[in-house]
Protein backbone atom coordinates (compact mmCIF):
# COMPACT_ATOMS: atom_id res chain seq x y z
CA MET A 1 48.11 19.05 30.15
CA TYR A 2 49.26 22.58 29.58
CA LEU A 3 48.03 24.82 32.94
CA ASN A 4 48.35 28.22 33.56
CA TYR A 5 46.37 28.37 37.08
CA ASN A 6 49.22 29.34 39.96
CA LYS A 7 49.52 33.06 39.29
CA SER A 8 45.95 34.14 40.82
CA LEU A 9 44.69 31.08 42.59
CA ARG A 10 45.41 30.46 46.42
CA TYR A 11 46.12 27.38 47.59
CA SER A 12 43.35 24.99 49.44
CA GLN A 13 43.54 26.24 53.01
CA GLU A 14 43.54 30.16 52.41
CA ILE A 15 40.71 29.64 49.76
CA LEU A 16 38.55 27.65 52.03
CA LYS A 17 38.72 30.48 54.56
CA LEU A 18 36.61 32.52 51.83
CA TRP A 19 33.83 30.01 51.56
CA GLU A 20 31.09 32.01 53.32
CA VAL A 21 31.90 35.62 52.86
CA LYS A 22 32.29 37.19 56.06
CA PHE A 23 34.07 40.10 55.38
CA LEU A 24 34.50 42.87 53.41
CA ARG A 25 37.29 45.09 51.89
CA PRO A 26 37.27 47.34 49.00
CA ALA A 27 39.30 45.85 46.35
CA MET A 28 41.62 46.77 43.37
CA ILE A 29 40.29 44.70 40.48
CA VAL A 30 38.58 45.51 37.52
CA SER A 31 39.42 47.35 34.05
CA PRO A 32 38.12 49.64 32.91
CA VAL A 33 35.96 49.79 36.09
CA ALA A 34 38.10 49.89 39.01
CA ILE A 35 37.26 48.88 42.47
CA VAL A 36 38.61 51.67 44.99
CA ASP A 37 39.69 52.36 48.37
CA PRO A 38 37.92 56.01 49.46
CA SER A 39 40.17 56.57 51.86
CA THR A 40 43.04 56.83 49.55
CA GLU A 41 41.58 58.33 46.59
CA PRO A 42 42.16 61.92 45.80
CA ARG A 43 39.14 64.36 44.69
CA LEU A 44 38.02 63.95 41.55
CA ASP A 45 34.77 66.20 41.16
CA SER A 46 35.06 66.12 37.41
CA ALA A 47 35.03 62.58 37.34
CA ARG A 48 32.11 62.15 39.82
CA HIS A 49 28.36 61.31 39.08
CA ALA A 50 26.11 63.89 39.61
CA SER A 51 24.79 61.62 42.39
CA PRO A 52 26.29 57.74 43.43
CA ARG A 53 24.77 55.03 41.67
CA LEU A 54 23.69 51.93 43.28
CA LEU A 55 25.25 48.73 42.32
CA ALA A 56 24.08 45.20 43.77
CA ASP A 57 24.89 41.44 42.97
CA ILE A 58 22.30 39.28 44.55
CA GLY A 59 22.87 35.61 45.16
CA GLY A 60 20.74 32.69 46.62
CA THR A 61 23.18 33.35 49.97
CA ASN A 62 24.39 36.64 49.85
CA ALA A 63 23.52 40.27 48.85
CA ARG A 64 26.67 42.36 47.61
CA PHE A 65 26.00 46.11 47.67
CA ALA A 66 28.26 49.13 46.34
CA LEU A 67 28.13 52.65 45.34
CA GLU A 68 29.62 53.88 41.90
CA THR A 69 30.63 57.66 42.64
CA GLY A 70 32.13 58.31 39.16
CA PRO A 71 32.58 56.32 36.12
CA GLY A 72 34.36 53.11 37.05
CA ARG A 73 34.68 54.39 40.34
CA ILE A 74 33.23 51.53 42.70
CA VAL A 75 33.58 51.85 46.33
CA LEU A 76 32.28 50.91 49.74
CA ILE A 77 31.61 47.27 48.78
CA GLU A 78 29.49 45.38 51.55
CA VAL A 79 28.24 41.76 51.54
CA LEU A 80 24.96 40.99 53.56
CA PRO A 81 23.51 37.67 54.20
CA CYS A 82 20.43 37.04 52.46
CA ALA A 83 19.00 35.06 55.30
CA ALA A 84 19.45 37.88 57.76
CA HIS A 85 16.75 40.11 55.80
CA ALA A 86 13.27 39.53 55.04
CA THR A 87 12.89 40.95 51.57
CA LEU A 88 15.52 42.49 49.29
CA ALA A 89 14.07 46.16 50.06
CA ASP A 90 14.84 45.71 53.58
CA ALA A 91 18.53 44.41 52.59
CA LEU A 92 18.61 47.73 50.62
CA ARG A 93 17.79 49.95 53.26
CA THR A 94 20.26 47.83 55.48
CA TYR A 95 23.09 48.81 53.05
CA LEU A 96 22.11 52.28 52.66
CA ALA A 97 22.07 53.02 56.32
CA LEU A 98 25.77 51.74 57.34
CA PRO A 99 27.52 54.80 58.44
CA ALA A 100 30.05 55.11 55.71
CA VAL A 101 27.02 55.12 53.10
CA ALA A 102 24.93 57.24 54.53
CA ALA A 103 27.64 59.54 54.63
CA ALA A 104 28.69 58.95 50.86
CA THR A 105 24.86 60.05 50.00
CA ALA A 106 24.26 62.19 52.24
CA THR A 107 24.66 65.11 49.81
CA ALA A 108 23.06 63.58 46.85
CA ALA A 109 20.54 60.68 47.57
CA VAL A 110 20.74 57.44 45.22
CA ARG A 111 18.94 58.43 42.18
CA HIS A 112 20.00 55.51 39.76
CA ALA A 113 20.67 51.50 40.75
CA ALA A 114 21.11 48.36 38.80
CA ILE A 115 20.70 44.74 40.51
CA ALA A 116 22.12 41.54 39.41
CA ILE A 117 20.32 38.58 40.59
CA ALA A 118 20.40 35.00 40.38
CA ASN A 119 17.21 34.37 38.65
CA PRO A 120 15.53 34.66 35.61
CA VAL A 121 14.09 38.60 35.05
CA VAL A 122 11.11 38.26 32.85
CA GLY A 123 8.49 41.10 33.22
CA ASP A 124 8.49 43.27 36.19
CA VAL A 125 7.82 40.21 39.04
CA VAL A 126 10.95 38.40 40.05
CA ARG A 127 10.91 35.23 42.35
CA MET A 128 14.31 34.33 43.46
CA THR A 129 14.48 30.34 42.42
CA ASN A 130 17.13 29.58 45.38
CA HIS A 131 15.74 32.12 47.89
CA HIS A 132 12.59 33.55 49.47
CA TRP A 133 12.42 36.68 48.22
CA ALA A 134 10.29 38.25 45.61
CA PHE A 135 9.35 41.64 43.96
CA SER A 136 8.15 43.68 41.83
CA ILE A 137 10.76 45.73 40.27
CA GLU A 138 8.49 48.88 39.85
CA ALA A 139 7.32 48.87 43.18
CA LEU A 140 10.84 48.34 44.14
CA ARG A 141 11.93 51.34 42.63
CA THR A 142 9.28 53.31 43.53
CA GLU A 143 9.91 52.38 47.79
CA CYS A 144 13.64 53.09 47.35
CA GLY A 145 13.00 56.33 45.46
CA PHE A 146 14.89 55.55 42.62
CA ASP A 147 14.33 57.28 39.28
CA GLU A 148 16.11 54.53 37.19
CA LEU A 149 16.08 50.84 38.23
CA ALA A 150 17.80 48.00 36.24
CA VAL A 151 16.79 44.25 37.30
CA VAL A 152 19.09 41.65 35.19
CA ASN A 153 20.08 38.19 35.77
CA ASP A 154 23.77 38.01 37.75
CA PHE A 155 24.98 35.70 34.62
CA TYR A 156 23.82 38.15 31.92
CA ALA A 157 25.73 40.90 34.32
CA LEU A 158 28.70 38.71 34.44
CA ALA A 159 28.94 38.23 30.90
CA MET A 160 28.98 41.90 30.11
CA ALA A 161 32.22 41.90 32.39
CA LEU A 162 34.24 39.12 30.52
CA PRO A 163 35.70 41.83 27.35
CA HIS A 164 37.12 43.79 30.39
CA LEU A 165 38.82 40.92 31.91
CA THR A 166 42.58 41.11 32.47
CA ASP A 167 45.22 38.85 32.40
CA ASP A 168 45.35 39.06 36.09
CA GLU A 169 41.72 38.59 36.73
CA LYS A 170 41.76 35.04 34.96
CA CYS A 171 43.48 31.95 35.04
CA GLN A 172 43.74 29.43 32.27
CA VAL A 173 43.23 25.44 32.34
CA GLY A 174 44.61 23.56 29.77
CA GLY A 175 45.29 24.43 26.66
CA GLY A 176 43.57 26.78 23.64
CA ALA A 177 43.69 29.94 22.30
CA SER A 178 40.98 32.47 21.92
CA VAL A 179 39.93 33.80 18.29
CA ALA A 180 39.11 37.43 18.57
CA GLY A 181 35.23 38.12 17.86
CA THR A 182 33.75 34.59 18.20
CA PRO A 183 31.33 33.40 20.69
CA ILE A 184 32.38 33.37 24.47
CA GLY A 185 30.55 31.03 26.80
CA LEU A 186 30.34 31.24 30.69
CA LEU A 187 29.03 29.50 33.18
CA GLY A 188 29.42 29.20 37.25
CA ALA A 189 28.22 26.86 40.30
CA GLY A 190 27.53 28.43 43.34
CA THR A 191 23.94 28.35 45.40
CA GLY A 192 22.75 27.46 41.87
CA LEU A 193 24.53 27.03 38.11
CA GLY A 194 24.65 29.89 35.81
CA VAL A 195 24.85 29.82 32.23
CA SER A 196 25.33 32.61 29.47
CA GLY A 197 27.75 34.02 26.87
CA LEU A 198 28.45 36.38 24.72
CA VAL A 199 27.70 36.65 20.73
CA PRO A 200 29.41 39.18 18.52
CA ALA A 201 27.43 41.49 16.32
CA ASP A 202 27.72 40.25 12.75
CA ASN A 203 28.03 43.93 11.60
CA THR A 204 31.29 45.14 13.24
CA PRO A 205 33.68 46.57 11.24
CA ALA A 206 36.96 44.88 10.56
CA GLY A 207 39.44 46.26 13.08
CA ALA A 208 36.94 47.71 15.71
CA LYS A 209 35.84 45.71 18.74
CA PRO A 210 33.30 43.84 18.53
CA THR A 211 29.61 44.82 20.07
CA TRP A 212 28.48 42.28 22.16
CA THR A 213 24.93 40.54 23.05
CA ALA A 214 24.90 38.80 26.31
CA LEU A 215 22.41 35.34 26.26
CA ARG A 216 19.71 35.62 29.01
CA SER A 217 19.80 31.58 29.58
CA GLU A 218 18.96 29.45 32.34
CA GLY A 219 21.14 26.30 30.55
CA GLY A 220 21.87 25.26 34.35
CA HIS A 221 18.70 23.61 34.16
CA VAL A 222 19.03 21.25 31.01
CA THR A 223 18.77 17.80 31.53
CA PHE A 224 21.84 15.79 33.37
CA SER A 225 23.57 13.42 31.23
CA PRO A 226 25.78 11.09 32.96
CA ALA A 227 29.09 10.20 30.88
CA ASN A 228 30.32 6.98 33.07
CA GLU A 229 28.94 4.29 34.91
CA THR A 230 29.74 6.12 38.28
CA GLU A 231 27.63 9.27 37.12
CA VAL A 232 24.60 6.74 35.92
CA ALA A 233 24.71 5.16 39.57
CA ILE A 234 24.76 8.96 40.86
CA LEU A 235 22.19 9.87 38.67
CA GLN A 236 19.81 7.02 39.29
CA TYR A 237 20.39 7.85 43.16
CA ALA A 238 19.34 11.40 42.24
CA TRP A 239 15.99 10.13 40.91
CA ARG A 240 15.08 9.11 43.92
CA GLU A 241 14.57 12.74 45.11
CA PHE A 242 13.70 14.70 42.22
CA GLY A 243 11.69 13.93 39.49
CA HIS A 244 13.73 16.00 37.02
CA VAL A 245 17.50 15.98 37.39
CA SER A 246 18.95 18.89 36.00
CA ALA A 247 22.68 19.69 35.74
CA GLU A 248 22.43 22.37 38.56
CA ARG A 249 21.11 19.57 41.22
CA PHE A 250 24.90 18.22 40.74
CA LEU A 251 26.56 21.42 40.13
CA SER A 252 25.98 23.64 42.88
CA GLY A 253 26.48 23.99 46.63
CA ALA A 254 23.60 21.44 47.19
CA GLY A 255 25.03 19.39 44.63
CA LEU A 256 27.88 18.42 46.22
CA GLU A 257 26.14 17.13 49.16
CA LEU A 258 23.92 14.97 46.74
CA ILE A 259 27.19 13.60 45.01
CA HIS A 260 28.52 12.90 48.44
CA ARG A 261 25.34 10.93 49.40
CA ALA A 262 24.99 9.36 46.15
CA LEU A 263 28.49 8.13 45.92
CA ALA A 264 28.61 6.53 49.94
CA HIS A 265 25.25 4.59 48.75
CA HIS A 266 27.45 3.54 45.18
CA ARG A 267 30.29 2.43 47.30
CA GLY A 268 28.11 1.30 50.25
CA VAL A 269 30.38 3.38 52.95
CA ALA A 270 28.99 4.65 55.96
CA SER A 271 29.20 8.26 55.86
CA ASP A 272 28.49 11.46 57.71
CA ALA A 273 25.70 13.76 56.24
CA LEU A 274 28.21 16.65 55.56
CA ASP A 275 27.48 20.03 53.74
CA ALA A 276 29.33 21.22 50.93
CA PRO A 277 32.18 23.49 52.93
CA GLU A 278 32.93 20.62 54.85
CA ILE A 279 32.95 18.19 52.04
CA THR A 280 35.21 20.54 50.14
CA ARG A 281 37.79 21.03 53.20
CA ARG A 282 37.66 17.57 53.77
CA GLY A 283 38.72 16.67 50.11
CA LEU A 284 41.25 19.41 49.64
CA ALA A 285 42.92 18.04 52.80
CA GLY A 286 43.44 14.43 52.06
CA THR A 287 41.50 13.47 55.13
CA CYS A 288 38.25 11.97 53.51
CA ALA A 289 38.73 9.58 50.19
CA LEU A 290 34.88 10.02 49.63
CA CYS A 291 35.29 13.77 49.77
CA ALA A 292 37.67 13.71 47.41
CA GLU A 293 36.12 11.28 45.13
CA VAL A 294 33.20 13.98 45.11
CA ILE A 295 35.29 17.01 44.13
CA GLU A 296 36.50 15.15 41.38
CA VAL A 297 33.50 13.45 40.01
CA PHE A 298 31.95 17.28 40.36
CA CYS A 299 34.79 18.61 38.16
CA GLY A 300 34.42 15.94 35.89
CA MET A 301 30.70 17.12 35.19
CA LEU A 302 31.15 20.40 35.34
CA GLY A 303 34.04 19.39 31.99
CA THR A 304 30.98 18.16 30.28
CA VAL A 305 28.50 20.65 30.60
CA ALA A 306 31.20 23.18 29.74
CA GLY A 307 31.88 21.55 26.77
CA ASN A 308 28.75 20.97 25.75
CA LEU A 309 28.59 25.13 25.74
CA ALA A 310 31.52 25.32 23.87
CA VAL A 311 30.23 23.50 21.28
CA THR A 312 26.33 24.66 21.59
CA LEU A 313 27.59 28.19 20.59
CA GLY A 314 30.69 27.64 18.93
CA ALA A 315 32.65 29.31 21.71
CA GLN A 316 36.04 29.99 20.18
CA GLY A 317 36.65 32.81 22.01
CA GLY A 318 36.82 30.62 25.26
CA VAL A 319 34.77 29.09 27.91
CA TYR A 320 34.60 31.21 31.34
CA ILE A 321 34.28 29.34 34.64
CA GLY A 322 32.62 32.21 37.65
CA GLY A 323 30.42 31.32 40.50
CA GLY A 324 31.54 30.53 44.08
CA ILE A 325 32.87 27.23 44.18
CA VAL A 326 35.45 26.68 41.39
CA PRO A 327 37.53 29.30 42.33
CA ARG A 328 37.80 27.69 45.75
CA LEU A 329 39.42 24.51 44.91
CA GLY A 330 42.44 26.13 44.15
CA GLU A 331 45.38 23.75 42.46
CA ARG A 332 43.13 21.09 42.61
CA PHE A 333 40.53 22.15 39.98
CA ALA A 334 43.31 22.63 37.85
CA THR A 335 44.86 19.13 37.85
CA SER A 336 41.25 17.37 38.02
CA CYS A 337 39.86 15.59 35.10
CA PHE A 338 37.83 18.80 34.40
CA ARG A 339 40.04 19.66 31.35
CA ALA A 340 39.99 16.04 29.97
CA ARG A 341 36.23 15.58 30.38
CA PHE A 342 35.71 19.29 28.25
CA GLU A 343 37.57 17.97 25.39
CA GLN A 344 36.00 14.64 25.35
CA LYS A 345 33.53 14.78 22.70
CA GLY A 346 34.52 12.03 20.26
CA ARG A 347 35.12 13.37 17.04
CA PHE A 348 34.94 17.40 18.35
CA VAL A 349 38.14 16.31 20.57
CA ALA A 350 40.36 17.99 18.37
CA TYR A 351 37.96 21.00 17.71
CA LEU A 352 37.52 21.81 21.83
CA ALA A 353 41.19 21.40 22.31
CA GLN A 354 41.50 24.80 20.85
CA VAL A 355 39.01 26.19 22.82
CA PRO A 356 40.55 28.14 26.36
CA THR A 357 38.84 27.61 29.63
CA TYR A 358 39.11 30.44 31.83
CA VAL A 359 38.40 30.52 35.82
CA ILE A 360 37.52 33.77 36.75
CA THR A 361 39.70 35.48 39.66
CA ALA A 362 38.48 38.68 39.84
CA GLU A 363 36.58 39.46 43.35
CA TYR A 364 33.78 41.30 42.42
CA PRO A 365 33.37 41.01 38.10
CA ALA A 366 29.26 41.46 38.31
CA PHE A 367 29.63 44.82 39.16
CA VAL A 368 31.45 45.87 36.21
CA GLY A 369 28.77 44.70 34.29
CA VAL A 370 25.61 46.01 36.17
CA SER A 371 27.52 49.32 35.89
CA ALA A 372 28.16 48.92 32.05
CA ILE A 373 24.41 48.15 31.84
CA LEU A 374 23.26 51.23 33.90
CA ALA A 375 25.90 53.45 31.67
CA ASP A 376 23.92 52.48 29.11
CA ARG A 377 20.65 52.86 29.78
CA LEU A 378 21.30 56.22 31.37
CA GLY A 379 23.56 57.28 28.09
CA ALA A 380 26.28 58.11 30.46
C-alpha cells in the first residue's frame, strides 16, 4: 500500500502528550488564513478589521478561542476546558478577560463573532449533545454585546476550510488521486463523530475555482453496521447498554472505551477499566495486546464508515479525516487496516481505490472555516 504519511505526523509518544490540550501557542498553519504570533508581526493598520473578530471552536471537551485582527490574521489562541465553565457565555467572558485579549480589544471591542460547535444548529436554541451547555444564539449575542454572531456546526465549519488546506496541512493515507471539482467527504472522531462534506456548484464556469456548499450533516448517528464476526460480537455487547448503537458509539473517545470493554468480554480476558488516553498509550507502546487490538478495530470501523461516506457522496475529491483521535495515532493509523477497509466494498473496490484519503494535520483548521463564514455574512 502506498503511504505518504511521515512528513507531518509526530510519532506515538509525542502525539500522546497532546491527548488533552493543556497548553496554548500561536501556530503558523492555514493558507490563506495565517495564524500568527502578534509579538513578531509588523503593524499593518491598512489590513486590520475595524474591530477584532472573535472566533471559537467549541467541542464537547475543550473550547478554543481566538481573535482575528485582520483578514486572515488570527492571534491569541486559547483553549479552555468546557467543564471549568458553567455556560458558554462564562467561557467567552473568561477568554475576553484574559490580559492579552483585553489589551487587544481595549480600543475597539469585539462586535462580530463566529462560533463552530460540536452540535446540530437548528433554529435559535442550541443544546449540546456531548456537554451540558445550552443557549439561545440571540440571547448570547445580546449578552455579549455583539452586532453579529454566527453559530454553525463544527464540521460544517471544518468542511469550509478544506479547499484552503495546503499539502503540509494534510497527510495522504493510501493511494488514489483527487479529481478537481468533485464532492469531498469529511469525518472525524473525537468526543463524538462529526460528518460533513463539500459539494461543488453545478454552474461553475470552466477553469474557475468551484463554489462549494458544505453539508449540515449528523452522519455520525447512522446505525453502526459490523463488517466481521468480531464487530458483530462488539455490537452485541453494546446492545446491552444502548437501544440504538450508532457509528459514534464506537468512533469516539467513549467508543474506544466501549470497544475495550466489549473485546475483553469477547476474548474472555480480565481487564482494568481504562480511559481512552490510557488505552491509546498502552496500545501504541505495545504493552497491552488488548489495547492494540482496540486501536486496530477502531481503525477498521472508521475505514468502513469513511468508505460509506465516499460512495454516498461520490467523493472523488477525497475523504478527509479530522477530529482529535486519529492524528494522535501517528504511523499506527497509516499501517492499520483503515485503508483496506475503506476500499472493501465488493464490486466498488476499484472505484474506492481511486479515492484518496487524508488526515488533517493543521492545528486549528476550524478557525479558517468560521472566519470565512463570518466574512461572508459581513460581506468582507
